[in-house]
N, C-alpha and C. Protein backbone atom coordinates (compact mmCIF):
# COMPACT_ATOMS: atom_id res chain seq x y z
N MET A 1 119.25 275.01 266.14
CA MET A 1 119.12 275.47 264.90
C MET A 1 120.64 276.01 264.57
N LEU A 2 120.92 275.77 263.24
CA LEU A 2 122.26 276.28 262.85
C LEU A 2 122.32 277.71 262.82
N PRO A 3 123.42 278.40 262.97
CA PRO A 3 123.64 279.87 262.96
C PRO A 3 123.62 280.18 261.47
N LEU A 4 123.17 281.36 261.08
CA LEU A 4 122.83 281.96 259.77
C LEU A 4 124.31 281.95 259.05
N HIS A 5 125.41 282.13 259.56
CA HIS A 5 126.81 282.09 258.93
C HIS A 5 127.08 280.74 258.48
N SER A 6 126.56 279.80 258.99
CA SER A 6 126.88 278.59 258.67
C SER A 6 126.41 277.96 257.34
N LEU A 7 125.42 278.76 256.81
CA LEU A 7 124.94 278.57 255.42
C LEU A 7 125.86 279.08 254.40
N GLY A 8 126.69 279.74 254.72
CA GLY A 8 127.73 280.31 253.60
C GLY A 8 127.26 281.38 252.84
N GLU A 9 127.67 281.68 251.63
CA GLU A 9 127.35 282.78 250.79
C GLU A 9 126.41 282.70 249.61
N ARG A 10 126.00 281.46 249.44
CA ARG A 10 125.24 281.01 248.50
C ARG A 10 123.95 280.21 248.98
N ILE A 11 122.93 280.85 249.39
CA ILE A 11 121.99 280.01 249.97
C ILE A 11 120.72 279.99 249.06
N VAL A 12 120.16 278.54 249.12
CA VAL A 12 118.95 278.34 248.35
C VAL A 12 117.71 278.24 249.31
N VAL A 13 116.64 278.75 248.88
CA VAL A 13 115.38 278.57 249.66
C VAL A 13 114.50 277.74 248.93
N LEU A 14 114.15 276.62 249.36
CA LEU A 14 113.10 275.84 248.67
C LEU A 14 111.92 275.64 249.60
N GLY A 15 110.77 275.14 248.86
CA GLY A 15 109.56 274.81 249.54
C GLY A 15 108.35 275.06 248.47
N PRO A 16 107.23 274.63 248.78
CA PRO A 16 106.20 274.66 248.05
C PRO A 16 105.59 276.13 247.81
N SER A 17 104.77 276.40 246.76
CA SER A 17 104.21 277.64 246.39
C SER A 17 103.65 278.42 247.66
N ASN A 18 103.90 279.61 247.89
CA ASN A 18 103.13 280.51 248.87
C ASN A 18 103.73 280.04 250.40
N ALA A 19 104.74 279.43 250.33
CA ALA A 19 105.35 279.03 251.84
C ALA A 19 105.95 280.14 252.44
N GLY A 20 106.34 281.11 251.75
CA GLY A 20 107.10 282.25 252.21
C GLY A 20 108.53 282.41 251.76
N LYS A 21 108.88 281.74 250.57
CA LYS A 21 110.15 281.70 250.20
C LYS A 21 110.68 283.00 249.65
N SER A 22 110.01 283.83 248.95
CA SER A 22 110.50 285.04 248.41
C SER A 22 110.60 285.91 249.67
N THR A 23 109.81 286.08 250.50
CA THR A 23 109.75 286.89 251.75
C THR A 23 111.00 286.64 252.60
N LEU A 24 111.24 285.25 252.78
CA LEU A 24 112.42 284.96 253.73
C LEU A 24 113.68 285.23 252.82
N ALA A 25 113.74 285.01 251.47
CA ALA A 25 114.99 285.43 250.66
C ALA A 25 115.44 286.90 250.70
N VAL A 26 114.26 287.73 250.63
CA VAL A 26 114.47 289.21 250.69
C VAL A 26 115.12 289.61 252.10
N ALA A 27 114.57 289.04 253.17
CA ALA A 27 115.02 289.30 254.58
C ALA A 27 116.44 288.80 254.73
N LEU A 28 116.76 287.73 254.28
CA LEU A 28 118.08 287.20 254.39
C LEU A 28 119.05 287.95 253.43
N SER A 29 118.64 288.42 252.43
CA SER A 29 119.42 289.42 251.50
C SER A 29 119.72 290.77 252.09
N ARG A 30 118.66 291.20 252.87
CA ARG A 30 118.97 292.48 253.60
C ARG A 30 119.78 292.36 254.75
N LYS A 31 119.75 291.27 255.32
CA LYS A 31 120.51 291.04 256.64
C LYS A 31 122.18 290.83 256.11
N LEU A 32 122.23 290.03 255.11
CA LEU A 32 123.46 289.64 254.61
C LEU A 32 124.41 290.58 253.73
N GLY A 33 123.47 291.31 252.96
CA GLY A 33 123.94 292.23 251.85
C GLY A 33 124.35 291.40 250.52
N PHE A 34 123.58 290.45 250.65
CA PHE A 34 123.69 289.46 249.27
C PHE A 34 122.51 289.76 248.21
N PRO A 35 122.62 289.68 246.84
CA PRO A 35 121.62 289.82 245.99
C PRO A 35 120.56 288.73 246.31
N THR A 36 119.41 289.12 246.03
CA THR A 36 118.29 288.14 245.99
C THR A 36 117.94 287.61 244.39
N VAL A 37 117.73 286.39 244.24
CA VAL A 37 117.30 286.00 243.03
C VAL A 37 116.09 285.22 243.20
N HIS A 38 114.96 285.78 242.37
CA HIS A 38 113.70 284.86 242.50
C HIS A 38 113.65 284.30 241.15
N LEU A 39 113.74 282.89 241.26
CA LEU A 39 113.56 282.10 239.98
C LEU A 39 112.30 282.27 239.19
N ASP A 40 111.20 282.58 239.90
CA ASP A 40 109.92 282.84 239.12
C ASP A 40 110.08 284.04 238.21
N GLN A 41 110.97 284.87 238.66
CA GLN A 41 111.22 286.13 237.86
C GLN A 41 111.86 285.79 236.56
N LEU A 42 112.94 284.87 236.84
CA LEU A 42 113.72 284.53 235.69
C LEU A 42 112.92 283.48 234.79
N HIS A 43 111.92 282.69 235.32
CA HIS A 43 111.14 281.82 234.57
C HIS A 43 110.07 282.42 233.70
N HIS A 44 109.45 283.46 234.33
CA HIS A 44 108.28 284.19 233.67
C HIS A 44 108.74 285.54 232.93
N LEU A 45 108.16 285.86 231.87
CA LEU A 45 108.10 287.04 231.23
C LEU A 45 107.60 288.22 231.91
N PRO A 46 108.32 289.29 232.08
CA PRO A 46 107.77 290.40 232.71
C PRO A 46 106.61 290.99 231.91
N HIS A 47 105.59 291.79 232.57
CA HIS A 47 104.60 292.49 232.13
C HIS A 47 103.54 291.46 231.41
N THR A 48 103.46 290.23 231.90
CA THR A 48 102.65 289.24 231.41
C THR A 48 101.84 288.74 232.78
N ASP A 49 100.81 287.90 232.46
CA ASP A 49 100.26 287.37 233.69
C ASP A 49 100.82 285.90 233.80
N TRP A 50 102.18 285.99 234.19
CA TRP A 50 103.07 284.79 234.47
C TRP A 50 103.19 283.81 233.31
N GLN A 51 103.42 284.41 232.03
CA GLN A 51 103.74 283.54 230.84
C GLN A 51 105.19 283.16 231.01
N PRO A 52 105.53 281.77 230.94
CA PRO A 52 106.82 281.22 230.98
C PRO A 52 107.54 281.77 229.74
N ARG A 53 108.95 281.76 230.25
CA ARG A 53 109.93 282.05 228.91
C ARG A 53 110.09 280.85 228.09
N PRO A 54 110.62 280.72 227.09
CA PRO A 54 111.22 279.46 226.49
C PRO A 54 112.20 278.96 227.43
N GLU A 55 111.97 277.48 227.59
CA GLU A 55 112.88 276.77 228.66
C GLU A 55 114.33 277.00 228.34
N GLU A 56 114.84 277.12 227.14
CA GLU A 56 116.25 277.22 227.03
C GLU A 56 116.63 278.61 227.59
N GLU A 57 115.93 279.61 227.33
CA GLU A 57 116.16 281.05 227.84
C GLU A 57 116.26 281.04 229.21
N PHE A 58 115.34 280.43 229.86
CA PHE A 58 115.09 280.41 231.39
C PHE A 58 116.31 279.53 231.90
N ALA A 59 116.71 278.46 231.30
CA ALA A 59 117.92 277.63 231.86
C ALA A 59 119.20 278.55 231.72
N LYS A 60 119.43 279.32 230.74
CA LYS A 60 120.45 280.17 230.52
C LYS A 60 120.56 281.29 231.50
N LEU A 61 119.46 281.80 231.94
CA LEU A 61 119.26 282.86 233.11
C LEU A 61 119.63 282.24 234.37
N HIS A 62 119.17 281.17 234.55
CA HIS A 62 119.35 280.23 235.82
C HIS A 62 120.86 280.06 235.95
N ASP A 63 121.40 279.55 235.03
CA ASP A 63 122.85 279.00 234.93
C ASP A 63 123.80 280.35 235.21
N ALA A 64 123.33 281.27 234.64
CA ALA A 64 124.17 282.55 234.86
C ALA A 64 124.13 283.15 236.15
N ALA A 65 122.86 283.03 236.74
CA ALA A 65 122.56 283.59 238.07
C ALA A 65 123.43 282.78 239.13
N ILE A 66 123.59 281.45 239.12
CA ILE A 66 124.21 280.67 240.03
C ILE A 66 125.60 280.74 239.99
N LEU A 67 126.18 281.45 238.90
CA LEU A 67 127.62 281.65 238.86
C LEU A 67 128.18 282.97 239.77
N GLY A 68 127.12 283.50 240.35
CA GLY A 68 127.43 284.76 241.16
C GLY A 68 128.18 284.16 242.55
N GLU A 69 129.04 285.11 243.00
CA GLU A 69 129.94 284.64 244.16
C GLU A 69 128.91 284.56 245.47
N ARG A 70 128.03 285.56 245.51
CA ARG A 70 127.01 285.52 246.59
C ARG A 70 125.57 285.68 246.27
N TRP A 71 124.68 284.99 246.76
CA TRP A 71 123.33 285.37 246.51
C TRP A 71 122.33 284.42 247.51
N VAL A 72 121.22 284.78 247.54
CA VAL A 72 120.13 284.07 248.19
C VAL A 72 119.12 283.87 246.97
N MET A 73 118.85 282.57 246.68
CA MET A 73 118.13 282.13 245.55
C MET A 73 116.83 281.44 246.07
N GLU A 74 115.76 281.92 245.52
CA GLU A 74 114.46 281.16 246.14
C GLU A 74 113.74 280.68 244.86
N GLY A 75 113.28 279.47 245.01
CA GLY A 75 112.49 278.88 243.96
C GLY A 75 112.94 277.56 243.85
N ASN A 76 112.01 276.77 243.21
CA ASN A 76 112.34 275.23 243.15
C ASN A 76 112.87 274.76 241.73
N TYR A 77 111.91 274.56 240.78
CA TYR A 77 112.35 274.18 239.48
C TYR A 77 113.35 272.93 239.53
N SER A 78 112.86 271.87 239.91
CA SER A 78 113.65 270.75 240.25
C SER A 78 114.50 270.30 239.11
N ARG A 79 114.23 270.57 237.67
CA ARG A 79 114.94 270.05 236.69
C ARG A 79 116.37 270.90 236.76
N LEU A 80 116.33 271.95 237.33
CA LEU A 80 117.70 272.67 237.19
C LEU A 80 118.28 272.67 238.64
N MET A 81 117.78 271.94 239.62
CA MET A 81 118.11 271.96 240.87
C MET A 81 119.56 271.34 241.13
N PRO A 82 120.08 270.32 240.25
CA PRO A 82 121.33 269.70 240.55
C PRO A 82 122.47 270.78 240.35
N GLN A 83 122.56 271.56 239.33
CA GLN A 83 123.56 272.45 239.24
C GLN A 83 123.54 273.68 240.23
N ARG A 84 122.27 274.03 240.56
CA ARG A 84 122.13 275.10 241.80
C ARG A 84 122.65 274.60 242.94
N LEU A 85 122.33 273.26 243.40
CA LEU A 85 122.77 272.76 244.69
C LEU A 85 124.32 272.46 244.62
N THR A 86 124.87 272.27 243.50
CA THR A 86 126.46 272.10 243.43
C THR A 86 127.01 273.53 243.63
N ARG A 87 126.40 274.54 243.34
CA ARG A 87 126.85 275.91 243.66
C ARG A 87 126.57 276.42 244.99
N ALA A 88 125.65 275.93 245.50
CA ALA A 88 125.03 276.45 246.90
C ALA A 88 126.05 276.10 247.92
N THR A 89 125.92 276.79 249.10
CA THR A 89 126.75 276.61 250.23
C THR A 89 125.92 276.28 251.41
N GLY A 90 124.51 276.51 251.19
CA GLY A 90 123.50 276.24 252.44
C GLY A 90 122.09 276.21 251.88
N ALA A 91 121.22 275.70 252.65
CA ALA A 91 119.96 275.55 252.03
C ALA A 91 118.76 275.84 253.22
N ILE A 92 117.76 276.41 252.86
CA ILE A 92 116.66 276.49 253.87
C ILE A 92 115.33 275.64 253.32
N LEU A 93 114.71 275.07 253.84
CA LEU A 93 113.45 274.36 253.41
C LEU A 93 112.36 274.86 254.15
N ILE A 94 111.35 275.55 253.62
CA ILE A 94 110.09 276.03 254.41
C ILE A 94 108.96 275.39 253.69
N THR A 95 108.18 274.85 254.76
CA THR A 95 106.83 274.32 254.36
C THR A 95 105.73 274.79 255.27
N SER A 96 104.49 274.58 254.86
CA SER A 96 103.50 274.77 255.83
C SER A 96 102.18 274.25 255.30
N ASN A 97 101.36 274.18 256.27
CA ASN A 97 99.95 273.65 255.84
C ASN A 97 99.45 274.16 254.49
N HIS A 98 98.87 273.24 253.65
CA HIS A 98 98.58 273.55 252.19
C HIS A 98 97.22 274.73 252.32
N TRP A 99 96.57 274.66 253.43
CA TRP A 99 95.43 275.62 253.54
C TRP A 99 95.95 277.03 253.79
N LEU A 100 96.93 277.10 254.62
CA LEU A 100 97.64 278.48 254.89
C LEU A 100 98.21 278.86 253.76
N ARG A 101 99.00 278.12 252.94
CA ARG A 101 99.46 278.55 251.62
C ARG A 101 98.51 279.09 250.56
N PHE A 102 97.41 278.33 250.71
CA PHE A 102 96.22 278.66 249.75
C PHE A 102 95.68 279.97 250.17
N SER A 103 95.66 280.31 251.47
CA SER A 103 94.95 281.55 251.86
C SER A 103 96.15 282.72 251.49
N ARG A 104 97.39 282.30 251.67
CA ARG A 104 98.37 283.40 251.06
C ARG A 104 98.21 283.60 249.68
N TYR A 105 97.94 282.71 248.94
CA TYR A 105 97.79 282.85 247.49
C TYR A 105 96.53 283.70 247.05
N LEU A 106 95.47 283.44 247.85
CA LEU A 106 94.32 284.35 247.50
C LEU A 106 94.69 285.77 247.92
N LYS A 107 95.17 285.88 249.03
CA LYS A 107 95.57 287.17 249.62
C LYS A 107 96.47 287.95 248.55
N ARG A 108 97.47 287.25 248.17
CA ARG A 108 98.47 288.13 247.24
C ARG A 108 97.86 288.32 246.09
N THR A 109 96.97 287.55 245.62
CA THR A 109 96.33 287.73 244.24
C THR A 109 95.37 288.89 244.36
N VAL A 110 94.60 288.91 245.43
CA VAL A 110 93.49 289.70 245.49
C VAL A 110 94.03 291.22 245.72
N VAL A 111 95.02 291.29 246.67
CA VAL A 111 95.76 292.43 247.03
C VAL A 111 96.58 292.93 245.88
N ASN A 112 97.40 292.15 245.31
CA ASN A 112 98.24 292.37 244.21
C ASN A 112 99.16 293.58 244.39
N ARG A 113 99.92 293.38 245.36
CA ARG A 113 100.96 294.58 245.76
C ARG A 113 102.17 294.50 244.78
N PRO A 114 102.44 295.55 243.94
CA PRO A 114 103.62 295.27 243.04
C PRO A 114 104.90 295.40 243.71
N ASP A 115 104.85 295.76 245.20
CA ASP A 115 106.09 295.69 245.87
C ASP A 115 106.41 294.42 246.74
N ARG A 116 105.45 293.37 246.29
CA ARG A 116 105.67 292.07 247.04
C ARG A 116 106.99 291.54 246.58
N ALA A 117 107.39 290.70 247.62
CA ALA A 117 108.72 289.99 247.32
C ALA A 117 108.39 289.00 246.37
N GLY A 118 109.26 289.00 245.30
CA GLY A 118 109.08 287.93 244.15
C GLY A 118 107.89 288.34 243.09
N HIS A 119 107.47 289.58 243.29
CA HIS A 119 106.27 289.90 242.29
C HIS A 119 106.91 289.97 240.88
N LEU A 120 106.33 289.82 239.92
CA LEU A 120 106.78 289.88 238.55
C LEU A 120 106.53 291.14 237.98
N GLU A 121 107.59 291.87 237.63
CA GLU A 121 107.54 293.22 237.19
C GLU A 121 106.50 293.43 236.04
N GLY A 122 105.58 294.27 236.28
CA GLY A 122 104.44 294.76 235.41
C GLY A 122 103.24 293.80 235.25
N ALA A 123 103.33 292.62 236.20
CA ALA A 123 102.24 291.69 235.99
C ALA A 123 101.10 292.11 237.15
N LYS A 124 99.83 291.74 236.76
CA LYS A 124 98.71 291.87 237.36
C LYS A 124 98.26 290.44 237.77
N ASP A 125 98.57 290.00 238.99
CA ASP A 125 97.98 288.50 239.27
C ASP A 125 96.73 288.40 239.24
N SER A 126 96.19 287.14 238.81
CA SER A 126 94.79 286.79 238.78
C SER A 126 94.75 285.31 239.39
N ILE A 127 93.56 285.08 239.90
CA ILE A 127 93.51 283.63 240.50
C ILE A 127 93.42 282.66 239.36
N LYS A 128 94.13 281.65 239.29
CA LYS A 128 94.18 280.52 238.22
C LYS A 128 93.95 279.29 238.91
N TRP A 129 92.97 278.43 238.29
CA TRP A 129 92.42 277.32 238.92
C TRP A 129 93.60 276.32 238.80
N GLU A 130 94.45 276.44 237.81
CA GLU A 130 95.76 275.63 237.79
C GLU A 130 96.56 275.78 239.16
N MET A 131 96.73 276.88 239.49
CA MET A 131 97.48 277.22 240.74
C MET A 131 96.86 276.60 241.89
N VAL A 132 95.53 276.94 242.11
CA VAL A 132 94.79 276.33 243.25
C VAL A 132 94.89 274.91 243.35
N HIS A 133 94.91 274.05 242.29
CA HIS A 133 95.07 272.80 242.08
C HIS A 133 96.62 272.43 242.53
N TRP A 134 97.52 273.20 242.07
CA TRP A 134 98.88 273.10 242.35
C TRP A 134 99.16 273.15 243.87
N ILE A 135 98.58 274.17 244.70
CA ILE A 135 98.84 274.27 245.93
C ILE A 135 98.07 273.15 246.85
N LEU A 136 96.79 273.03 246.47
CA LEU A 136 96.03 272.05 247.23
C LEU A 136 96.08 270.74 247.07
N VAL A 137 96.50 270.29 245.82
CA VAL A 137 96.69 268.83 245.59
C VAL A 137 98.00 268.47 245.05
N LYS A 138 98.53 269.07 244.00
CA LYS A 138 99.66 268.72 243.44
C LYS A 138 101.03 268.75 244.29
N THR A 139 101.19 269.92 245.02
CA THR A 139 102.33 269.93 245.83
C THR A 139 102.12 269.96 247.35
N ARG A 140 100.97 269.31 247.78
CA ARG A 140 100.56 269.06 249.06
C ARG A 140 101.57 268.54 250.00
N ASN A 141 102.39 267.60 249.31
CA ASN A 141 103.38 267.11 250.12
C ASN A 141 104.85 267.18 249.61
N SER A 142 104.95 268.20 248.93
CA SER A 142 106.55 268.34 248.16
C SER A 142 107.49 268.42 249.15
N GLY A 143 107.12 269.08 250.40
CA GLY A 143 108.21 269.16 251.33
C GLY A 143 109.06 267.86 251.65
N VAL A 144 108.44 266.78 251.57
CA VAL A 144 109.27 265.49 251.76
C VAL A 144 110.25 265.29 250.59
N LYS A 145 109.75 265.57 249.26
CA LYS A 145 110.67 265.38 248.23
C LYS A 145 111.75 266.28 248.38
N TYR A 146 111.56 267.67 248.71
CA TYR A 146 112.67 268.52 248.82
C TYR A 146 113.63 268.24 250.00
N ALA A 147 112.98 267.63 251.08
CA ALA A 147 114.00 267.32 252.34
C ALA A 147 114.81 266.24 251.71
N LYS A 148 114.37 265.37 251.00
CA LYS A 148 115.30 264.07 250.64
C LYS A 148 116.28 264.77 249.70
N ILE A 149 115.94 265.52 248.75
CA ILE A 149 116.89 266.16 247.84
C ILE A 149 118.07 266.94 248.61
N LEU A 150 117.54 267.60 249.61
CA LEU A 150 118.62 268.61 250.44
C LEU A 150 119.48 267.61 251.36
N GLN A 151 118.89 266.55 251.86
CA GLN A 151 119.59 265.57 252.73
C GLN A 151 120.63 264.93 251.82
N GLU A 152 120.44 264.52 250.63
CA GLU A 152 121.33 264.05 249.68
C GLU A 152 122.38 264.71 249.22
N SER A 153 122.19 266.23 249.13
CA SER A 153 123.09 267.02 248.63
C SER A 153 124.27 267.26 249.69
N GLY A 154 124.03 266.98 250.92
CA GLY A 154 125.04 267.26 252.09
C GLY A 154 125.25 268.67 252.43
N LEU A 155 124.43 269.59 252.01
CA LEU A 155 124.41 270.93 252.24
C LEU A 155 124.07 271.24 253.72
N PRO A 156 124.50 272.17 254.36
CA PRO A 156 124.06 272.54 255.79
C PRO A 156 122.70 273.02 255.55
N THR A 157 121.67 272.52 256.37
CA THR A 157 120.29 272.82 255.90
C THR A 157 119.47 273.02 257.07
N ILE A 158 118.59 274.03 257.08
CA ILE A 158 117.64 274.37 257.98
C ILE A 158 116.24 274.04 257.45
N GLU A 159 115.50 273.36 258.25
CA GLU A 159 113.99 273.01 257.85
C GLU A 159 113.01 273.63 258.82
N CYS A 160 112.16 274.39 258.22
CA CYS A 160 110.87 274.99 259.01
C CYS A 160 109.73 274.35 258.49
N HIS A 161 109.20 273.53 259.11
CA HIS A 161 107.79 272.93 258.56
C HIS A 161 106.59 273.59 259.16
N THR A 162 106.50 274.55 259.91
CA THR A 162 105.32 275.32 260.29
C THR A 162 105.62 276.76 260.22
N ALA A 163 104.47 277.61 260.33
CA ALA A 163 104.49 279.05 260.39
C ALA A 163 105.25 279.47 261.66
N ASP A 164 105.03 278.81 262.62
CA ASP A 164 105.73 279.13 264.03
C ASP A 164 107.13 278.86 263.85
N ALA A 165 107.57 277.74 263.40
CA ALA A 165 109.03 277.48 263.06
C ALA A 165 109.75 278.70 262.08
N LEU A 166 108.94 278.99 261.12
CA LEU A 166 109.54 280.11 260.41
C LEU A 166 109.67 281.42 261.14
N ASN A 167 108.49 281.72 261.87
CA ASN A 167 108.69 283.00 262.63
C ASN A 167 109.74 282.89 263.49
N ASN A 168 110.19 281.47 264.31
CA ASN A 168 111.13 281.62 265.15
C ASN A 168 112.54 281.78 264.44
N LEU A 169 112.58 281.36 263.15
CA LEU A 169 113.79 281.70 262.45
C LEU A 169 114.08 283.23 262.13
N TYR A 170 113.10 283.91 261.89
CA TYR A 170 113.12 285.19 261.78
C TYR A 170 113.74 285.83 263.07
N ARG A 171 113.09 285.33 264.19
CA ARG A 171 113.39 285.88 265.52
C ARG A 171 114.94 285.61 265.91
N VAL A 172 115.27 284.33 265.79
CA VAL A 172 116.67 283.85 266.29
C VAL A 172 117.79 284.59 265.38
N TRP A 173 117.56 284.70 264.01
CA TRP A 173 118.41 285.23 263.24
C TRP A 173 118.40 286.76 263.09
N ASP A 174 117.29 287.50 263.77
CA ASP A 174 117.21 288.68 263.80
C ASP A 174 117.02 289.31 262.42
N LEU A 175 115.99 288.57 261.69
CA LEU A 175 115.87 289.08 260.27
C LEU A 175 114.70 290.20 260.30
N PRO A 176 114.79 290.95 259.30
CA PRO A 176 113.66 291.95 259.23
C PRO A 176 112.38 291.33 259.02
N VAL A 177 111.25 291.74 259.88
CA VAL A 177 109.94 291.21 259.85
C VAL A 177 109.38 291.57 258.56
N PRO A 178 108.54 290.57 257.90
CA PRO A 178 107.82 290.97 256.69
C PRO A 178 106.69 291.72 257.14
N ARG A 179 106.28 292.60 256.28
CA ARG A 179 105.05 293.53 256.51
C ARG A 179 103.87 292.85 255.79
C-alpha cells in the first residue's frame, strides 16, 4: 500500500454510493488538515430532499472547488471528472459489496443523522426507490469503470475493494475511526 503522503495535497475519493467515500474523506481531512469537499453537497440544494441544482451552477461550484491548493474531494459525477483528475495529485477508489452498500443506505436514511459525513444541510433523508435501484442494479459494478479511469489518469492510486481493505487503510494510515 502506498503511504498517504504519496497522494499529495489534492486527493479524490471515488466509488459507488454508500461505499464510505464521505466518511473516508472526512477522516483524511482531519489527519491532513485539508478541507473536505463533498460533491453531493455542491450538486444538491440545501434544505431539500436532495433536489439537484441547475447543471451549470453545479459545474461552476465544482470548477471553483478544484482550484483550491489542498483538498480531499469525494464523489463521482463522471461528466466533471476529467478536469478534477487533471488537478488531483492522488486518488482512492473504494468499492464494496452492493448488499453492504444497500444496508448502509437504509441505515443512514432511517437514522438520518445531521452530523453524518456528507449530509446535505437541512435535508431529511427518505428512502427513494430510484436510489435503491441505483445501488443494487445500476452501479453494481461501477468500481471497474472508475478503476479504468484512474489507471488512465496516471495518478498514484489506492484501491480498496472490500470493507476489510478499507478498515486496513484506516489502520495503516492511522486515520480517525468512523463512529
